[in-house]
Amino acid sequence: MSSLKCLHCGACCTVDTDIVKPSDVERWKAEGRRDILNKIKMVGDFPAGFKEDKCPFYDKNLEKGCLIEDTKPLVCRNFPLNKKHAMGYTKGKCVIFEKKYKYH
């Protein structure tokens, strides 16, 4: 788990959506979250991300930005691992590392 504090800017939510893992799908099935499961593209029995080009559960108008904060994908929960990971994944758009922000 990262010690960096996410600022919920949405940079990571608007890039690659190939973040859904089989463990996420199993959790959502157990939780009865058809609303989430219906937005996942599957290749056989394996999740291949969300059907949209960006996360369908990101809403920039929400304080935390995520409509499924309580059960978001594991990749999202652990993001970012470090500066290189955050800046590479978001193509330099992650605001955690801008001078005006501090991280722990």
N, C-alpha and C. Protein backbone atom coordinates (compact mmCIF):
# COMPACT_ATOMS: atom_id res chain seq x y z
N MET A 1 0.85 -1.19 0.00
CA MET A 1 0.00 0.00 0.00
C MET A 1 0.88 1.24 0.00
N SER A 2 0.53 2.18 -0.77
CA SER A 2 1.30 3.41 -0.90
C SER A 2 1.12 4.32 0.30
N SER A 3 2.19 5.07 0.62
CA SER A 3 2.07 6.08 1.67
C SER A 3 1.73 7.44 1.06
N LEU A 4 1.60 7.50 -0.26
CA LEU A 4 1.23 8.73 -0.93
C LEU A 4 -0.26 8.97 -0.76
N LYS A 5 -0.64 10.21 -0.59
CA LYS A 5 -2.05 10.55 -0.40
C LYS A 5 -2.67 10.97 -1.72
N CYS A 6 -3.64 10.21 -2.18
CA CYS A 6 -4.33 10.52 -3.42
C CYS A 6 -5.13 11.81 -3.25
N LEU A 7 -5.09 12.65 -4.26
CA LEU A 7 -5.84 13.91 -4.24
C LEU A 7 -7.11 13.84 -5.07
N HIS A 8 -7.41 12.67 -5.60
CA HIS A 8 -8.65 12.42 -6.35
C HIS A 8 -8.80 13.35 -7.55
N CYS A 9 -7.69 13.56 -8.27
CA CYS A 9 -7.72 14.44 -9.43
C CYS A 9 -8.35 13.77 -10.65
N GLY A 10 -8.39 12.42 -10.65
CA GLY A 10 -8.98 11.69 -11.76
C GLY A 10 -8.04 11.36 -12.90
N ALA A 11 -6.78 11.77 -12.80
CA ALA A 11 -5.83 11.49 -13.89
C ALA A 11 -5.71 10.00 -14.16
N CYS A 12 -5.71 9.20 -13.13
CA CYS A 12 -5.57 7.74 -13.32
C CYS A 12 -6.89 7.11 -13.76
N CYS A 13 -7.99 7.79 -13.57
CA CYS A 13 -9.32 7.26 -13.93
C CYS A 13 -9.67 7.51 -15.38
N THR A 14 -8.89 8.33 -16.04
CA THR A 14 -9.23 8.71 -17.42
C THR A 14 -8.23 8.18 -18.43
N VAL A 15 -7.40 7.23 -18.01
CA VAL A 15 -6.46 6.58 -18.92
C VAL A 15 -6.86 5.12 -19.06
N ASP A 16 -5.93 4.25 -19.22
CA ASP A 16 -6.16 2.81 -19.40
C ASP A 16 -7.17 2.26 -18.40
N THR A 17 -8.17 1.56 -18.89
CA THR A 17 -9.18 0.98 -17.99
C THR A 17 -9.02 -0.54 -17.86
N ASP A 18 -7.89 -1.05 -18.28
CA ASP A 18 -7.62 -2.49 -18.16
C ASP A 18 -7.10 -2.78 -16.75
N ILE A 19 -7.92 -2.46 -15.77
CA ILE A 19 -7.50 -2.54 -14.37
C ILE A 19 -8.27 -3.57 -13.57
N VAL A 20 -9.30 -4.13 -14.14
CA VAL A 20 -10.16 -5.05 -13.42
C VAL A 20 -9.51 -6.43 -13.36
N LYS A 21 -9.38 -6.95 -12.16
CA LYS A 21 -8.76 -8.25 -11.94
C LYS A 21 -9.83 -9.29 -11.60
N PRO A 22 -9.53 -10.57 -11.79
CA PRO A 22 -10.50 -11.61 -11.44
C PRO A 22 -11.00 -11.51 -10.00
N SER A 23 -10.14 -11.13 -9.07
CA SER A 23 -10.57 -10.99 -7.67
C SER A 23 -11.60 -9.88 -7.51
N ASP A 24 -11.51 -8.83 -8.32
CA ASP A 24 -12.52 -7.76 -8.28
C ASP A 24 -13.86 -8.30 -8.75
N VAL A 25 -13.83 -9.06 -9.85
CA VAL A 25 -15.07 -9.62 -10.40
C VAL A 25 -15.72 -10.54 -9.38
N GLU A 26 -14.94 -11.39 -8.74
CA GLU A 26 -15.49 -12.30 -7.73
C GLU A 26 -16.10 -11.54 -6.56
N ARG A 27 -15.43 -10.48 -6.12
CA ARG A 27 -15.95 -9.65 -5.02
C ARG A 27 -17.27 -9.01 -5.42
N TRP A 28 -17.34 -8.45 -6.64
CA TRP A 28 -18.55 -7.79 -7.10
C TRP A 28 -19.70 -8.78 -7.28
N LYS A 29 -19.39 -9.98 -7.71
CA LYS A 29 -20.42 -11.02 -7.80
C LYS A 29 -20.97 -11.31 -6.41
N ALA A 30 -20.08 -11.48 -5.44
CA ALA A 30 -20.50 -11.78 -4.06
C ALA A 30 -21.30 -10.63 -3.47
N GLU A 31 -20.99 -9.40 -3.86
CA GLU A 31 -21.69 -8.22 -3.36
C GLU A 31 -22.99 -7.95 -4.14
N GLY A 32 -23.20 -8.71 -5.21
CA GLY A 32 -24.39 -8.49 -6.03
C GLY A 32 -24.34 -7.19 -6.82
N ARG A 33 -23.17 -6.75 -7.20
CA ARG A 33 -22.99 -5.46 -7.89
C ARG A 33 -23.10 -5.60 -9.40
N ARG A 34 -24.31 -5.89 -9.87
CA ARG A 34 -24.58 -5.99 -11.31
C ARG A 34 -24.27 -4.66 -12.01
N ASP A 35 -24.46 -3.55 -11.31
CA ASP A 35 -24.18 -2.24 -11.90
C ASP A 35 -22.73 -2.13 -12.35
N ILE A 36 -21.83 -2.75 -11.60
CA ILE A 36 -20.42 -2.74 -11.95
C ILE A 36 -20.14 -3.83 -13.00
N LEU A 37 -20.61 -5.02 -12.73
CA LEU A 37 -20.34 -6.15 -13.61
C LEU A 37 -20.82 -5.90 -15.04
N ASN A 38 -21.90 -5.17 -15.21
CA ASN A 38 -22.43 -4.88 -16.54
C ASN A 38 -21.53 -3.95 -17.35
N LYS A 39 -20.58 -3.30 -16.71
CA LYS A 39 -19.71 -2.35 -17.40
C LYS A 39 -18.32 -2.94 -17.70
N ILE A 40 -18.15 -4.24 -17.42
CA ILE A 40 -16.87 -4.89 -17.64
C ILE A 40 -16.90 -5.67 -18.94
N LYS A 41 -15.83 -5.52 -19.72
CA LYS A 41 -15.72 -6.36 -20.92
C LYS A 41 -14.96 -7.62 -20.51
N MET A 42 -15.46 -8.73 -20.96
CA MET A 42 -14.88 -10.02 -20.62
C MET A 42 -14.32 -10.68 -21.87
N VAL A 43 -13.23 -11.37 -21.71
CA VAL A 43 -12.64 -12.20 -22.77
C VAL A 43 -12.67 -13.62 -22.20
N GLY A 44 -13.66 -14.36 -22.63
CA GLY A 44 -13.89 -15.67 -22.03
C GLY A 44 -14.31 -15.47 -20.58
N ASP A 45 -13.58 -16.06 -19.67
CA ASP A 45 -13.87 -15.93 -18.24
C ASP A 45 -13.03 -14.85 -17.57
N PHE A 46 -12.24 -14.12 -18.34
CA PHE A 46 -11.32 -13.14 -17.76
C PHE A 46 -11.74 -11.71 -18.05
N PRO A 47 -11.66 -10.85 -17.03
CA PRO A 47 -11.99 -9.43 -17.24
C PRO A 47 -10.91 -8.75 -18.07
N ALA A 48 -11.34 -7.89 -18.98
CA ALA A 48 -10.41 -7.14 -19.82
C ALA A 48 -10.64 -5.64 -19.65
N GLY A 49 -11.00 -5.23 -18.44
CA GLY A 49 -11.21 -3.82 -18.16
C GLY A 49 -12.65 -3.40 -18.33
N PHE A 50 -12.86 -2.11 -18.27
CA PHE A 50 -14.20 -1.56 -18.46
C PHE A 50 -14.48 -1.40 -19.94
N LYS A 51 -15.75 -1.39 -20.31
CA LYS A 51 -16.16 -1.27 -21.71
C LYS A 51 -15.84 0.12 -22.26
N GLU A 52 -15.80 1.11 -21.42
CA GLU A 52 -15.51 2.49 -21.84
C GLU A 52 -14.01 2.75 -21.83
N ASP A 53 -13.57 3.83 -22.49
CA ASP A 53 -12.16 4.20 -22.54
C ASP A 53 -11.67 4.82 -21.24
N LYS A 54 -12.58 5.23 -20.40
CA LYS A 54 -12.21 5.77 -19.09
C LYS A 54 -13.10 5.09 -18.06
N CYS A 55 -12.75 5.22 -16.81
CA CYS A 55 -13.55 4.56 -15.78
C CYS A 55 -14.97 5.13 -15.77
N PRO A 56 -15.97 4.26 -15.90
CA PRO A 56 -17.36 4.73 -15.90
C PRO A 56 -17.85 5.16 -14.52
N PHE A 57 -17.02 4.97 -13.51
CA PHE A 57 -17.43 5.29 -12.14
C PHE A 57 -16.71 6.52 -11.58
N TYR A 58 -15.99 7.23 -12.44
CA TYR A 58 -15.33 8.46 -12.00
C TYR A 58 -16.26 9.64 -12.26
N ASP A 59 -16.44 10.47 -11.22
CA ASP A 59 -17.26 11.67 -11.34
C ASP A 59 -16.49 12.82 -10.70
N LYS A 60 -15.98 13.72 -11.52
CA LYS A 60 -15.14 14.81 -11.02
C LYS A 60 -15.87 15.73 -10.05
N ASN A 61 -17.18 15.64 -10.00
CA ASN A 61 -17.95 16.50 -9.10
C ASN A 61 -18.07 15.94 -7.69
N LEU A 62 -17.65 14.70 -7.49
CA LEU A 62 -17.68 14.11 -6.15
C LEU A 62 -16.39 14.41 -5.40
N GLU A 63 -16.47 14.49 -4.09
CA GLU A 63 -15.29 14.80 -3.28
C GLU A 63 -14.16 13.80 -3.55
N LYS A 64 -14.47 12.52 -3.54
CA LYS A 64 -13.44 11.51 -3.80
C LYS A 64 -13.42 11.07 -5.25
N GLY A 65 -14.37 11.53 -6.04
CA GLY A 65 -14.38 11.24 -7.47
C GLY A 65 -14.91 9.88 -7.87
N CYS A 66 -14.99 8.95 -6.94
CA CYS A 66 -15.33 7.58 -7.28
C CYS A 66 -16.72 7.19 -6.79
N LEU A 67 -17.55 6.76 -7.73
CA LEU A 67 -18.90 6.34 -7.38
C LEU A 67 -18.92 4.98 -6.67
N ILE A 68 -17.84 4.22 -6.79
CA ILE A 68 -17.77 2.90 -6.14
C ILE A 68 -16.59 2.85 -5.15
N GLU A 69 -16.35 3.94 -4.47
CA GLU A 69 -15.23 4.07 -3.53
C GLU A 69 -15.14 2.89 -2.57
N ASP A 70 -16.27 2.43 -2.07
CA ASP A 70 -16.28 1.35 -1.08
C ASP A 70 -15.89 -0.01 -1.65
N THR A 71 -15.90 -0.15 -2.97
CA THR A 71 -15.58 -1.45 -3.57
C THR A 71 -14.81 -1.30 -4.88
N LYS A 72 -14.04 -0.22 -4.99
CA LYS A 72 -13.31 0.02 -6.24
C LYS A 72 -12.26 -1.07 -6.48
N PRO A 73 -11.80 -1.21 -7.73
CA PRO A 73 -10.82 -2.25 -8.06
C PRO A 73 -9.56 -2.16 -7.19
N LEU A 74 -8.95 -3.32 -6.96
CA LEU A 74 -7.74 -3.39 -6.15
C LEU A 74 -6.65 -2.47 -6.68
N VAL A 75 -6.50 -2.40 -7.99
CA VAL A 75 -5.49 -1.53 -8.59
C VAL A 75 -5.72 -0.08 -8.16
N CYS A 76 -6.95 0.34 -8.13
CA CYS A 76 -7.28 1.71 -7.73
C CYS A 76 -7.00 1.93 -6.24
N ARG A 77 -7.31 0.95 -5.44
CA ARG A 77 -7.07 1.06 -4.00
C ARG A 77 -5.60 1.26 -3.69
N ASN A 78 -4.74 0.64 -4.46
CA ASN A 78 -3.30 0.69 -4.21
C ASN A 78 -2.56 1.77 -4.98
N PHE A 79 -3.27 2.55 -5.75
CA PHE A 79 -2.64 3.58 -6.59
C PHE A 79 -2.36 4.84 -5.79
N PRO A 80 -1.25 5.49 -5.97
CA PRO A 80 -0.08 5.11 -6.75
C PRO A 80 0.93 4.37 -5.87
N LEU A 81 1.73 3.53 -6.49
CA LEU A 81 2.76 2.81 -5.75
C LEU A 81 3.93 3.72 -5.41
N ASN A 82 4.27 4.59 -6.35
CA ASN A 82 5.37 5.53 -6.17
C ASN A 82 5.27 6.60 -7.27
N LYS A 83 6.18 7.55 -7.24
CA LYS A 83 6.12 8.64 -8.21
C LYS A 83 6.27 8.13 -9.65
N LYS A 84 7.22 7.23 -9.88
CA LYS A 84 7.44 6.71 -11.22
C LYS A 84 6.18 6.02 -11.73
N HIS A 85 5.55 5.24 -10.89
CA HIS A 85 4.32 4.55 -11.25
C HIS A 85 3.21 5.55 -11.59
N ALA A 86 3.01 6.52 -10.72
CA ALA A 86 1.93 7.50 -10.91
C ALA A 86 2.14 8.33 -12.17
N MET A 87 3.33 8.84 -12.35
CA MET A 87 3.58 9.71 -13.49
C MET A 87 3.60 8.93 -14.81
N GLY A 88 4.08 7.70 -14.78
CA GLY A 88 4.08 6.88 -15.99
C GLY A 88 2.68 6.47 -16.38
N TYR A 89 1.92 6.00 -15.42
CA TYR A 89 0.57 5.52 -15.70
C TYR A 89 -0.35 6.64 -16.18
N THR A 90 -0.22 7.82 -15.58
CA THR A 90 -1.12 8.92 -15.93
C THR A 90 -0.54 9.83 -17.01
N LYS A 91 0.58 9.41 -17.58
CA LYS A 91 1.27 10.20 -18.61
C LYS A 91 1.61 11.60 -18.10
N GLY A 92 2.07 11.66 -16.84
CA GLY A 92 2.52 12.91 -16.23
C GLY A 92 1.42 13.81 -15.69
N LYS A 93 0.19 13.32 -15.62
CA LYS A 93 -0.93 14.18 -15.20
C LYS A 93 -1.28 14.08 -13.72
N CYS A 94 -0.67 13.15 -12.98
CA CYS A 94 -0.98 12.99 -11.55
C CYS A 94 -0.51 14.24 -10.80
N VAL A 95 -1.42 14.88 -10.05
CA VAL A 95 -1.10 16.14 -9.39
C VAL A 95 -0.44 15.99 -8.03
N ILE A 96 -0.28 14.78 -7.54
CA ILE A 96 0.35 14.58 -6.24
C ILE A 96 1.73 15.22 -6.20
N PHE A 97 2.41 15.23 -7.32
CA PHE A 97 3.80 15.65 -7.34
C PHE A 97 4.02 17.09 -7.78
N GLU A 98 2.95 17.84 -7.94
CA GLU A 98 3.10 19.26 -8.23
C GLU A 98 3.63 19.94 -6.99
N LYS A 99 4.42 20.98 -7.14
CA LYS A 99 5.08 21.64 -6.01
C LYS A 99 4.14 22.11 -4.93
N LYS A 100 2.93 22.51 -5.27
CA LYS A 100 2.02 23.07 -4.29
C LYS A 100 1.42 22.01 -3.36
N TYR A 101 1.60 20.72 -3.69
CA TYR A 101 1.06 19.65 -2.86
C TYR A 101 2.16 18.94 -2.10
N LYS A 102 1.86 18.44 -0.94
CA LYS A 102 2.80 17.66 -0.14
C LYS A 102 2.24 16.24 -0.08
N TYR A 103 3.10 15.30 0.07
CA TYR A 103 2.67 13.92 0.29
C TYR A 103 3.41 13.36 1.49
N HIS A 104 2.83 12.32 2.12
CA HIS A 104 3.49 11.76 3.28
C HIS A 104 4.26 10.53 2.89
